[in-house]
Amino acid sequence: MRFLCLPGAYGSAKNFGVQLGPFAKHMEERGLASFAFTQGAHEVEPPLGWENYFGSRPLYRFIDAAASGPNGGDAFEIVRRVRHIPRGLSPEATLRLFKPPQPVEFDWSSFREALESILKTIDDDAEIDGLIGYSEGAMMAASICAEENRRWEEAGVPRRIKFAIFFAGSPPLVAEGDGFTARLADEHGTSIDIPTFHVFGSNDPLVYSSIALYNACNQETAQLYDHGLGHLVPRDADNVEQLGDTLSDVITRINKDSEVSKETRTMTPELTGEYATTECSATSSSSAGSTAETSDLDSRSSHGVGPEPKGIPKM
């Protein structure tokens, strides 16, 4: 499987290659994956006090900070506000606390251009069939998955991405009218129907965002992995080994299912046109709207792996 890797805010393709290095090296040595890296188009300077935190310049974002409103240039605004969030809310309810009380005019052109640029990168490399994203890059990866799902359901455009890995992610932004909206599971059900793997840290102040993304994915094929740390990509040998072991099974299964699907299409060429599209669309949407009761993730081990209910640790 070949992954296109998307860095977080104030990142770059070069720096993300270093950040993801131990994990990528481990996966390549096991013959599980290869990796390509991309980055946002908007060059940025890190926030005051964080000048040396993000690695060598230049640094980039996928989203144009100038178009994001008065606080758009400060990606740490949410981290400061999270200290005042009431405890015990669902992930989706927590995210809604950050919604402006009054509608804010937003120029979506840069976000739309970022999506199109990533889709073009995928089109230009025929081997890419997976996505890896970290933080802002994970939100972009989720939005690509949701956009491919929308195009498949509405126009029958084949999906390229078979599997996505999200490190410290957040729910996808999906086209709606002239702009985009966050697709939260308690309102919209399943937005991403492909297999997904969600890596988060129970000490991440933004952990509710990772769980909200998990909730928006097909619960039958989504998995959680808690590395027990903060808002980061784990690089220690223990976590890298455990991630490799778990993902080995997942990727092997996806590749096998893909080969079976190819053989089926070869053996039944008459299954084309409207009938094939209708049948596949019905299958892909069968799990939309699934729900589960909430639970406290605090009781899980620091290396928990597997599906979990739609809960959030109390903070």
Protein backbone atom coordinates (compact mmCIF):
# COMPACT_ATOMS: atom_id res chain seq x y z
CA MET A 1 0.00 0.00 0.00
CA ARG A 2 1.30 3.46 -0.87
CA PHE A 3 0.37 6.32 1.46
CA LEU A 4 0.25 10.02 0.69
CA CYS A 5 1.29 11.78 3.92
CA LEU A 6 -0.11 15.17 4.94
CA PRO A 7 1.64 17.18 7.71
CA GLY A 8 0.05 19.29 10.41
CA ALA A 9 -0.09 23.09 10.60
CA TYR A 10 3.36 24.71 10.58
CA GLY A 11 4.75 21.59 8.95
CA SER A 12 6.34 20.64 5.65
CA ALA A 13 6.83 17.52 3.57
CA LYS A 14 10.48 17.42 4.64
CA ASN A 15 9.81 17.84 8.37
CA PHE A 16 6.92 15.37 8.34
CA GLY A 17 9.22 12.82 6.77
CA VAL A 18 11.43 13.17 9.84
CA GLN A 19 8.49 13.22 12.24
CA LEU A 20 7.00 10.06 10.73
CA GLY A 21 10.45 8.53 10.15
CA PRO A 22 10.53 5.67 12.71
CA PHE A 23 7.01 4.55 11.80
CA ALA A 24 7.62 4.79 8.03
CA LYS A 25 10.96 2.95 8.29
CA HIS A 26 9.35 0.16 10.32
CA MET A 27 6.48 -0.25 7.85
CA GLU A 28 8.81 -0.23 4.83
CA GLU A 29 11.14 -2.80 6.39
CA ARG A 30 8.15 -5.11 6.93
CA GLY A 31 7.09 -4.66 3.31
CA LEU A 32 3.74 -3.19 4.35
CA ALA A 33 3.84 0.26 2.81
CA SER A 34 5.66 2.97 0.90
CA PHE A 35 5.25 6.70 1.46
CA ALA A 36 4.96 9.93 -0.50
CA PHE A 37 4.83 13.35 1.16
CA THR A 38 3.09 16.60 0.29
CA GLN A 39 2.44 19.92 2.07
CA GLY A 40 0.20 22.96 2.10
CA ALA A 41 0.68 25.88 -0.27
CA HIS A 42 0.57 28.69 2.30
CA GLU A 43 3.93 29.58 3.87
CA VAL A 44 3.57 30.66 7.51
CA GLU A 45 5.58 31.72 10.53
CA PRO A 46 5.06 29.79 13.79
CA PRO A 47 3.32 31.48 16.75
CA LEU A 48 5.35 33.61 19.12
CA GLY A 49 7.27 31.42 21.54
CA TRP A 50 7.19 28.38 19.24
CA GLU A 51 9.78 29.54 16.72
CA ASN A 52 12.05 26.52 17.18
CA TYR A 53 9.40 23.88 17.83
CA PHE A 54 8.27 22.91 14.34
CA GLY A 55 11.57 22.19 12.64
CA SER A 56 13.43 23.87 9.82
CA ARG A 57 11.76 26.52 7.67
CA PRO A 58 9.98 27.06 5.38
CA LEU A 59 6.77 25.98 7.15
CA TYR A 60 3.33 25.65 5.59
CA ARG A 61 -0.39 25.25 6.20
CA PHE A 62 -3.06 23.80 3.94
CA ILE A 63 -5.48 26.51 5.07
CA ASP A 64 -4.90 30.18 4.36
CA ALA A 65 -4.81 31.71 7.84
CA ALA A 66 -5.72 35.15 6.51
CA ALA A 67 -9.07 33.79 5.28
CA SER A 68 -9.93 32.16 8.61
CA GLY A 69 -11.23 35.21 10.44
CA PRO A 70 -9.64 37.36 13.17
CA ASN A 71 -8.00 34.40 14.95
CA GLY A 72 -7.22 32.43 11.80
CA GLY A 73 -3.49 33.02 12.08
CA ASP A 74 -3.34 31.51 15.57
CA ALA A 75 -3.66 27.72 15.45
CA PHE A 76 -3.18 27.59 19.24
CA GLU A 77 -6.34 29.56 20.05
CA ILE A 78 -8.34 26.33 20.47
CA VAL A 79 -5.73 24.90 22.84
CA ARG A 80 -6.05 27.95 25.10
CA ARG A 81 -9.85 27.84 25.05
CA VAL A 82 -10.04 24.11 25.76
CA ARG A 83 -9.04 24.75 29.40
CA HIS A 84 -12.45 26.32 30.00
CA ILE A 85 -14.57 23.57 28.43
CA PRO A 86 -17.12 21.91 30.78
CA ARG A 87 -16.41 18.26 31.49
CA GLY A 88 -18.60 15.33 30.49
CA LEU A 89 -19.74 16.60 27.09
CA SER A 90 -19.80 14.38 24.00
CA PRO A 91 -17.03 14.98 21.43
CA GLU A 92 -19.53 16.57 19.05
CA ALA A 93 -20.99 18.85 21.74
CA THR A 94 -17.48 19.91 22.71
CA LEU A 95 -16.63 20.87 19.12
CA ARG A 96 -19.80 22.95 18.86
CA LEU A 97 -18.56 25.13 21.71
CA PHE A 98 -16.00 26.53 19.27
CA LYS A 99 -18.63 27.54 16.74
CA PRO A 100 -18.99 31.35 16.55
CA PRO A 101 -22.26 32.61 18.09
CA GLN A 102 -22.91 34.59 14.91
CA PRO A 103 -22.24 33.46 11.31
CA VAL A 104 -18.75 34.44 10.17
CA GLU A 105 -17.98 35.19 6.56
CA PHE A 106 -15.29 32.81 5.38
CA ASP A 107 -13.46 32.58 2.08
CA TRP A 108 -13.51 28.86 1.24
CA SER A 109 -11.48 29.23 -1.95
CA SER A 110 -8.16 28.32 -0.29
CA PHE A 111 -9.64 25.23 1.33
CA ARG A 112 -11.21 24.17 -1.96
CA GLU A 113 -7.89 24.71 -3.74
CA ALA A 114 -6.10 22.63 -1.08
CA LEU A 115 -8.52 19.74 -1.62
CA GLU A 116 -8.12 19.92 -5.39
CA SER A 117 -4.33 20.04 -5.06
CA ILE A 118 -4.30 16.89 -2.91
CA LEU A 119 -6.67 15.11 -5.28
CA LYS A 120 -4.38 16.03 -8.20
CA THR A 121 -1.37 14.65 -6.32
CA ILE A 122 -3.29 11.39 -5.87
CA ASP A 123 -4.25 11.34 -9.56
CA ASP A 124 -0.64 11.92 -10.59
CA ASP A 125 0.60 8.85 -8.69
CA ALA A 126 -1.32 5.76 -9.74
CA GLU A 127 0.09 3.72 -6.83
CA ILE A 128 -1.36 5.90 -4.04
CA ASP A 129 -4.25 4.10 -2.36
CA GLY A 130 -3.92 5.28 1.24
CA LEU A 131 -3.69 8.51 3.25
CA ILE A 132 -1.86 9.43 6.44
CA GLY A 133 -2.54 12.77 8.10
CA TYR A 134 -1.43 14.46 11.29
CA SER A 135 -3.48 17.21 13.01
CA GLU A 136 -4.46 19.72 10.27
CA GLY A 137 -3.22 17.18 7.72
CA ALA A 138 -5.51 14.55 9.26
CA MET A 139 -8.47 16.90 8.87
CA MET A 140 -7.50 17.39 5.21
CA ALA A 141 -7.13 13.61 4.74
CA ALA A 142 -10.55 13.03 6.33
CA SER A 143 -12.04 15.69 4.04
CA ILE A 144 -10.51 13.96 1.00
CA CYS A 145 -12.05 10.64 2.08
CA ALA A 146 -15.45 12.27 2.61
CA GLU A 147 -15.20 14.10 -0.73
CA GLU A 148 -14.37 10.86 -2.56
CA ASN A 149 -17.33 9.23 -0.82
CA ARG A 150 -19.61 12.11 -1.89
CA ARG A 151 -18.43 11.95 -5.53
CA TRP A 152 -18.92 8.18 -5.56
CA GLU A 153 -22.46 8.36 -4.20
CA GLU A 154 -23.56 11.34 -6.30
CA ALA A 155 -21.73 10.72 -9.59
CA GLY A 156 -20.30 7.20 -9.46
CA VAL A 157 -16.69 8.49 -9.55
CA PRO A 158 -14.46 5.58 -8.40
CA ARG A 159 -12.68 6.10 -5.09
CA ARG A 160 -8.88 5.90 -5.05
CA ILE A 161 -8.33 5.76 -1.30
CA LYS A 162 -8.81 2.35 0.35
CA PHE A 163 -7.49 3.10 3.82
CA ALA A 164 -6.65 6.13 5.97
CA ILE A 165 -4.57 6.56 9.12
CA PHE A 166 -5.27 9.65 11.22
CA PHE A 167 -2.88 10.93 13.89
CA ALA A 168 -4.64 13.43 16.22
CA GLY A 169 -7.38 14.04 13.67
CA SER A 170 -10.62 15.98 13.49
CA PRO A 171 -13.90 15.54 11.56
CA PRO A 172 -14.00 16.16 7.82
CA LEU A 173 -15.23 19.33 6.17
CA VAL A 174 -17.69 18.43 3.42
CA ALA A 175 -19.03 20.59 0.57
CA GLU A 176 -22.39 22.16 1.36
CA GLY A 177 -23.82 24.94 -0.76
CA ASP A 178 -21.13 27.49 -1.57
CA GLY A 179 -18.93 26.40 1.34
CA PHE A 180 -18.04 23.50 3.60
CA THR A 181 -19.34 22.23 6.91
CA ALA A 182 -17.98 19.91 9.58
CA ARG A 183 -19.77 16.57 9.38
CA LEU A 184 -20.46 15.46 12.95
CA ALA A 185 -21.73 11.94 13.52
CA ASP A 186 -24.64 12.84 15.80
CA GLU A 187 -26.15 14.91 12.97
CA HIS A 188 -24.91 13.27 9.77
CA GLY A 189 -24.01 9.68 10.65
CA THR A 190 -21.21 8.09 8.66
CA SER A 191 -19.20 10.41 6.40
CA ILE A 192 -16.22 8.11 5.72
CA ASP A 193 -17.02 4.56 4.68
CA ILE A 194 -13.55 3.11 3.99
CA PRO A 195 -11.46 1.35 6.69
CA THR A 196 -9.77 3.86 9.00
CA PHE A 197 -7.24 3.75 11.84
CA HIS A 198 -7.28 6.50 14.47
CA VAL A 199 -4.13 7.14 16.51
CA PHE A 200 -4.59 9.49 19.46
CA GLY A 201 -3.14 10.24 22.89
CA SER A 202 -5.25 10.23 26.03
CA ASN A 203 -3.20 13.22 27.26
CA ASP A 204 -3.94 15.29 24.16
CA PRO A 205 -6.04 18.34 25.14
CA LEU A 206 -7.75 17.98 21.75
CA VAL A 207 -8.55 14.28 22.15
CA TYR A 208 -12.30 14.95 21.76
CA SER A 209 -11.60 15.96 18.16
CA SER A 210 -9.96 12.61 17.38
CA ILE A 211 -12.92 10.75 18.85
CA ALA A 212 -15.38 12.89 16.87
CA LEU A 213 -13.55 11.88 13.68
CA TYR A 214 -13.68 8.22 14.70
CA ASN A 215 -17.43 8.55 15.30
CA ALA A 216 -17.89 9.93 11.76
CA CYS A 217 -16.31 6.81 10.22
CA ASN A 218 -17.80 3.40 9.47
CA GLN A 219 -17.81 1.78 12.92
CA GLU A 220 -17.46 -1.71 11.46
CA THR A 221 -14.06 -0.93 9.91
CA ALA A 222 -12.70 1.88 12.14
CA GLN A 223 -10.13 1.19 14.86
CA LEU A 224 -8.69 3.28 17.71
CA TYR A 225 -5.15 3.22 19.06
CA ASP A 226 -4.24 5.18 22.21
CA HIS A 227 -0.49 5.77 22.54
CA GLY A 228 -1.04 7.41 25.93
CA LEU A 229 0.84 10.61 25.05
CA GLY A 230 -0.16 14.04 23.76
CA HIS A 231 -0.83 15.75 20.44
CA LEU A 232 1.94 14.04 18.48
CA VAL A 233 3.05 11.23 16.20
CA PRO A 234 4.55 8.49 18.42
CA ARG A 235 8.18 7.71 17.60
CA ASP A 236 9.19 5.39 20.46
CA ALA A 237 10.05 1.78 19.62
CA ASP A 238 7.21 0.28 21.70
CA ASN A 239 4.43 2.23 19.99
CA VAL A 240 5.99 1.88 16.53
CA GLU A 241 6.20 -1.92 16.96
CA GLN A 242 2.62 -2.20 18.19
CA LEU A 243 1.33 0.01 15.39
CA GLY A 244 3.18 -2.13 12.85
CA ASP A 245 1.75 -5.36 14.27
CA THR A 246 -1.82 -4.05 14.21
CA LEU A 247 -1.59 -2.39 10.82
CA SER A 248 0.01 -5.50 9.31
CA ASP A 249 -3.26 -7.38 9.81
CA VAL A 250 -5.38 -4.47 8.59
CA ILE A 251 -3.36 -3.75 5.44
CA THR A 252 -3.06 -7.44 4.55
CA ARG A 253 -6.83 -7.81 4.82
CA ILE A 254 -7.50 -4.70 2.72
CA ASN A 255 -5.08 -5.83 0.00
CA LYS A 256 -6.68 -9.27 -0.04
CA ASP A 257 -10.18 -7.81 -0.29
CA SER A 258 -8.98 -5.56 -3.11
CA GLU A 259 -7.60 -8.51 -5.08
CA VAL A 260 -10.86 -10.42 -4.61
CA SER A 261 -12.79 -7.38 -5.84
CA LYS A 262 -10.58 -7.13 -8.95
CA GLU A 263 -11.08 -10.83 -9.71
CA THR A 264 -14.83 -10.47 -9.30
CA ARG A 265 -14.95 -7.54 -11.73
CA THR A 266 -12.86 -9.53 -14.23
CA MET A 267 -15.13 -12.58 -13.96
CA THR A 268 -18.38 -10.57 -14.23
CA PRO A 269 -17.86 -7.87 -16.86
CA GLU A 270 -21.62 -7.64 -17.38
CA LEU A 271 -21.99 -6.07 -13.94
CA THR A 272 -21.57 -2.51 -15.19
CA GLY A 273 -23.53 0.66 -15.65
CA GLU A 274 -26.51 1.61 -13.55
CA TYR A 275 -26.96 -1.77 -11.84
CA ALA A 276 -23.36 -1.94 -10.61
CA THR A 277 -23.44 1.65 -9.35
CA THR A 278 -26.72 1.11 -7.52
CA GLU A 279 -25.53 -2.11 -5.89
CA CYS A 280 -22.22 -0.65 -4.70
CA SER A 281 -23.79 2.58 -3.46
CA ALA A 282 -26.29 0.64 -1.38
CA THR A 283 -23.47 -1.36 0.18
CA SER A 284 -21.34 1.70 0.97
CA SER A 285 -24.15 3.51 2.75
CA SER A 286 -25.50 0.57 4.75
CA SER A 287 -23.81 1.57 7.99
CA ALA A 288 -24.66 5.29 7.92
CA GLY A 289 -26.33 6.60 10.99
CA SER A 290 -25.03 3.89 13.33
CA THR A 291 -24.98 4.90 17.01
CA ALA A 292 -23.56 3.66 20.26
CA GLU A 293 -23.72 4.74 23.87
CA THR A 294 -20.91 6.82 25.34
CA SER A 295 -18.21 5.50 27.63
CA ASP A 296 -15.19 6.80 29.51
CA LEU A 297 -11.89 6.02 27.74
CA ASP A 298 -9.90 6.65 30.92
CA SER A 299 -10.24 2.98 31.83
CA ARG A 300 -8.39 1.82 28.71
CA SER A 301 -4.73 0.82 28.72
CA SER A 302 -2.24 3.24 27.23
CA HIS A 303 -1.94 1.00 24.16
CA GLY A 304 -5.61 0.18 23.61
CA VAL A 305 -6.44 -1.01 20.11
CA GLY A 306 -9.79 -1.64 18.52
CA PRO A 307 -13.29 -0.22 18.13
CA GLU A 308 -14.70 1.75 21.04
CA PRO A 309 -18.10 3.33 21.76
CA LYS A 310 -18.62 6.99 20.96
CA GLY A 311 -17.24 8.30 24.25
CA ILE A 312 -14.72 10.84 25.40
CA PRO A 313 -12.45 10.84 28.42
CA LYS A 314 -13.39 13.35 31.06
CA MET A 315 -10.83 16.12 31.10
